[in-house]
Amino acid sequence: MMALQLESILTCPKCDHAETLTMPTDACQWFYECTNCKTLLKPKPGDCCVFCSYGSVPCPPKQSGENNCCG
């Protein structure tokens, strides 16, 4: 099994600010406030968290193949 990637580059869809963040391994992150424009990011429909919607790497549960990773 491959090692999980815990860092993801989260990019704000409003201002394109990108920030490297460490993802939690024990929970999904449903909200994130952009540090540049203060927009509150929420997952897109069908995604479980902000990392799956706006990150360069999906969340750790998705990486490990869990179907209902955040449910």
N, C-alpha and C. Protein backbone atom coordinates (compact mmCIF):
# COMPACT_ATOMS: atom_id res chain seq x y z
N MET A 1 0.84 -1.19 0.00
CA MET A 1 0.00 0.00 0.00
C MET A 1 0.88 1.25 0.00
N MET A 2 0.49 2.23 -0.79
CA MET A 2 1.27 3.46 -0.88
C MET A 2 1.05 4.32 0.36
N ALA A 3 2.07 5.09 0.69
CA ALA A 3 1.95 6.02 1.82
C ALA A 3 0.99 7.14 1.44
N LEU A 4 0.21 7.57 2.40
CA LEU A 4 -0.74 8.66 2.18
C LEU A 4 0.00 9.98 2.08
N GLN A 5 -0.44 10.83 1.16
CA GLN A 5 0.09 12.18 1.08
C GLN A 5 -0.76 13.04 2.01
N LEU A 6 -0.13 13.72 2.94
CA LEU A 6 -0.86 14.51 3.93
C LEU A 6 -0.85 16.00 3.63
N GLU A 7 -0.07 16.42 2.63
CA GLU A 7 -0.06 17.84 2.27
C GLU A 7 -0.76 18.01 0.93
N SER A 8 -1.55 19.06 0.84
CA SER A 8 -2.28 19.38 -0.38
C SER A 8 -2.22 20.89 -0.59
N ILE A 9 -2.17 21.29 -1.85
CA ILE A 9 -2.21 22.72 -2.16
C ILE A 9 -3.67 23.08 -2.40
N LEU A 10 -4.22 23.86 -1.49
CA LEU A 10 -5.62 24.28 -1.57
C LEU A 10 -5.66 25.62 -2.31
N THR A 11 -6.44 25.68 -3.40
CA THR A 11 -6.52 26.88 -4.22
C THR A 11 -7.93 27.46 -4.16
N CYS A 12 -8.02 28.70 -3.77
CA CYS A 12 -9.31 29.39 -3.66
C CYS A 12 -9.89 29.62 -5.06
N PRO A 13 -11.14 29.22 -5.30
CA PRO A 13 -11.73 29.42 -6.62
C PRO A 13 -12.09 30.88 -6.91
N LYS A 14 -12.12 31.72 -5.89
CA LYS A 14 -12.49 33.13 -6.08
C LYS A 14 -11.28 33.99 -6.43
N CYS A 15 -10.19 33.84 -5.69
CA CYS A 15 -9.03 34.72 -5.90
C CYS A 15 -7.78 33.99 -6.39
N ASP A 16 -7.84 32.67 -6.53
CA ASP A 16 -6.72 31.84 -6.98
C ASP A 16 -5.54 31.79 -6.02
N HIS A 17 -5.75 32.24 -4.78
CA HIS A 17 -4.69 32.12 -3.77
C HIS A 17 -4.47 30.64 -3.48
N ALA A 18 -3.23 30.22 -3.47
CA ALA A 18 -2.88 28.82 -3.20
C ALA A 18 -2.07 28.74 -1.92
N GLU A 19 -2.38 27.72 -1.12
CA GLU A 19 -1.72 27.55 0.16
C GLU A 19 -1.50 26.07 0.41
N THR A 20 -0.30 25.70 0.84
CA THR A 20 -0.01 24.31 1.17
C THR A 20 -0.46 24.05 2.59
N LEU A 21 -1.32 23.05 2.75
CA LEU A 21 -1.87 22.72 4.07
C LEU A 21 -1.69 21.24 4.36
N THR A 22 -1.61 20.92 5.64
CA THR A 22 -1.59 19.53 6.08
C THR A 22 -3.03 19.10 6.35
N MET A 23 -3.43 18.00 5.73
CA MET A 23 -4.80 17.51 5.87
C MET A 23 -4.96 16.70 7.15
N PRO A 24 -6.11 16.80 7.80
CA PRO A 24 -6.36 15.96 8.97
C PRO A 24 -6.53 14.51 8.53
N THR A 25 -6.10 13.58 9.35
CA THR A 25 -6.23 12.16 9.01
C THR A 25 -7.43 11.52 9.70
N ASP A 26 -8.00 12.22 10.68
CA ASP A 26 -9.08 11.62 11.47
C ASP A 26 -10.45 12.25 11.23
N ALA A 27 -10.53 13.20 10.29
CA ALA A 27 -11.81 13.87 10.02
C ALA A 27 -11.70 14.58 8.68
N CYS A 28 -12.87 14.86 8.10
CA CYS A 28 -12.89 15.65 6.87
C CYS A 28 -13.02 17.12 7.22
N GLN A 29 -12.45 17.94 6.38
CA GLN A 29 -12.53 19.39 6.60
C GLN A 29 -13.59 19.94 5.64
N TRP A 30 -14.74 20.27 6.20
CA TRP A 30 -15.88 20.71 5.39
C TRP A 30 -15.80 22.19 5.04
N PHE A 31 -15.11 22.98 5.83
CA PHE A 31 -15.03 24.41 5.59
C PHE A 31 -13.59 24.87 5.71
N TYR A 32 -13.25 25.91 4.95
CA TYR A 32 -11.94 26.53 5.07
C TYR A 32 -12.08 27.98 4.63
N GLU A 33 -11.56 28.91 5.41
CA GLU A 33 -11.60 30.32 5.04
C GLU A 33 -10.30 30.69 4.36
N CYS A 34 -10.42 31.18 3.13
CA CYS A 34 -9.24 31.62 2.38
C CYS A 34 -8.52 32.71 3.17
N THR A 35 -7.22 32.54 3.33
CA THR A 35 -6.45 33.52 4.11
C THR A 35 -6.24 34.82 3.33
N ASN A 36 -6.49 34.80 2.03
CA ASN A 36 -6.29 36.00 1.21
C ASN A 36 -7.57 36.83 1.10
N CYS A 37 -8.68 36.23 0.62
CA CYS A 37 -9.90 37.00 0.36
C CYS A 37 -11.01 36.74 1.37
N LYS A 38 -10.76 35.82 2.30
CA LYS A 38 -11.70 35.48 3.38
C LYS A 38 -12.97 34.77 2.90
N THR A 39 -12.99 34.24 1.66
CA THR A 39 -14.11 33.45 1.18
C THR A 39 -14.17 32.14 1.95
N LEU A 40 -15.36 31.75 2.36
CA LEU A 40 -15.54 30.48 3.06
C LEU A 40 -15.74 29.39 2.02
N LEU A 41 -14.78 28.49 1.91
CA LEU A 41 -14.85 27.39 0.97
C LEU A 41 -15.64 26.25 1.57
N LYS A 42 -16.49 25.64 0.74
CA LYS A 42 -17.29 24.48 1.12
C LYS A 42 -17.11 23.45 0.01
N PRO A 43 -17.28 22.17 0.31
CA PRO A 43 -17.12 21.15 -0.73
C PRO A 43 -18.13 21.35 -1.86
N LYS A 44 -17.70 21.02 -3.07
CA LYS A 44 -18.61 21.02 -4.22
C LYS A 44 -19.58 19.85 -4.06
N PRO A 45 -20.77 19.92 -4.67
CA PRO A 45 -21.71 18.79 -4.59
C PRO A 45 -21.04 17.50 -5.04
N GLY A 46 -21.19 16.47 -4.24
CA GLY A 46 -20.60 15.17 -4.54
C GLY A 46 -19.23 14.94 -3.94
N ASP A 47 -18.59 16.01 -3.46
CA ASP A 47 -17.28 15.87 -2.79
C ASP A 47 -17.48 15.82 -1.29
N CYS A 48 -16.54 15.19 -0.61
CA CYS A 48 -16.69 15.03 0.84
C CYS A 48 -16.07 16.16 1.64
N CYS A 49 -15.11 16.88 1.06
CA CYS A 49 -14.43 17.91 1.83
C CYS A 49 -13.78 18.94 0.91
N VAL A 50 -13.25 20.02 1.48
CA VAL A 50 -12.64 21.07 0.67
C VAL A 50 -11.38 20.59 -0.05
N PHE A 51 -10.67 19.61 0.50
CA PHE A 51 -9.47 19.11 -0.16
C PHE A 51 -9.83 18.33 -1.42
N CYS A 52 -10.95 17.60 -1.39
CA CYS A 52 -11.38 16.87 -2.59
C CYS A 52 -11.90 17.82 -3.66
N SER A 53 -12.40 18.99 -3.25
CA SER A 53 -12.92 19.96 -4.20
C SER A 53 -11.86 20.92 -4.73
N TYR A 54 -10.98 21.40 -3.87
CA TYR A 54 -10.07 22.49 -4.25
C TYR A 54 -8.59 22.16 -4.03
N GLY A 55 -8.29 20.97 -3.58
CA GLY A 55 -6.91 20.60 -3.29
C GLY A 55 -6.22 19.89 -4.43
N SER A 56 -4.91 19.87 -4.37
CA SER A 56 -4.10 19.17 -5.36
C SER A 56 -4.07 17.67 -5.11
N VAL A 57 -4.44 17.28 -3.89
CA VAL A 57 -4.44 15.88 -3.48
C VAL A 57 -5.75 15.63 -2.73
N PRO A 58 -6.46 14.52 -3.01
CA PRO A 58 -7.67 14.24 -2.25
C PRO A 58 -7.37 13.90 -0.80
N CYS A 59 -8.39 13.96 0.05
CA CYS A 59 -8.22 13.71 1.47
C CYS A 59 -7.69 12.29 1.74
N PRO A 60 -7.06 12.07 2.89
CA PRO A 60 -6.49 10.76 3.21
C PRO A 60 -7.50 9.60 3.14
N PRO A 61 -8.74 9.75 3.62
CA PRO A 61 -9.67 8.63 3.47
C PRO A 61 -9.94 8.26 2.01
N LYS A 62 -10.05 9.25 1.12
CA LYS A 62 -10.24 8.98 -0.31
C LYS A 62 -9.00 8.30 -0.89
N GLN A 63 -7.84 8.75 -0.47
CA GLN A 63 -6.59 8.14 -0.96
C GLN A 63 -6.52 6.67 -0.58
N SER A 64 -7.06 6.33 0.59
CA SER A 64 -6.99 4.94 1.04
C SER A 64 -8.13 4.09 0.49
N GLY A 65 -9.02 4.71 -0.31
CA GLY A 65 -10.05 3.94 -0.99
C GLY A 65 -11.35 3.77 -0.23
N GLU A 66 -11.56 4.54 0.82
CA GLU A 66 -12.82 4.41 1.56
C GLU A 66 -13.95 5.02 0.74
N ASN A 67 -15.06 4.26 0.61
CA ASN A 67 -16.19 4.73 -0.18
C ASN A 67 -16.92 5.87 0.50
N ASN A 68 -17.22 5.72 1.76
CA ASN A 68 -17.97 6.74 2.51
C ASN A 68 -17.01 7.35 3.52
N CYS A 69 -16.00 8.02 3.00
CA CYS A 69 -14.88 8.44 3.85
C CYS A 69 -15.25 9.41 4.95
N CYS A 70 -16.22 10.25 4.72
CA CYS A 70 -16.51 11.28 5.70
C CYS A 70 -17.92 11.14 6.26
N GLY A 71 -18.59 10.10 5.93
CA GLY A 71 -19.99 9.98 6.31
C GLY A 71 -20.22 9.39 7.64
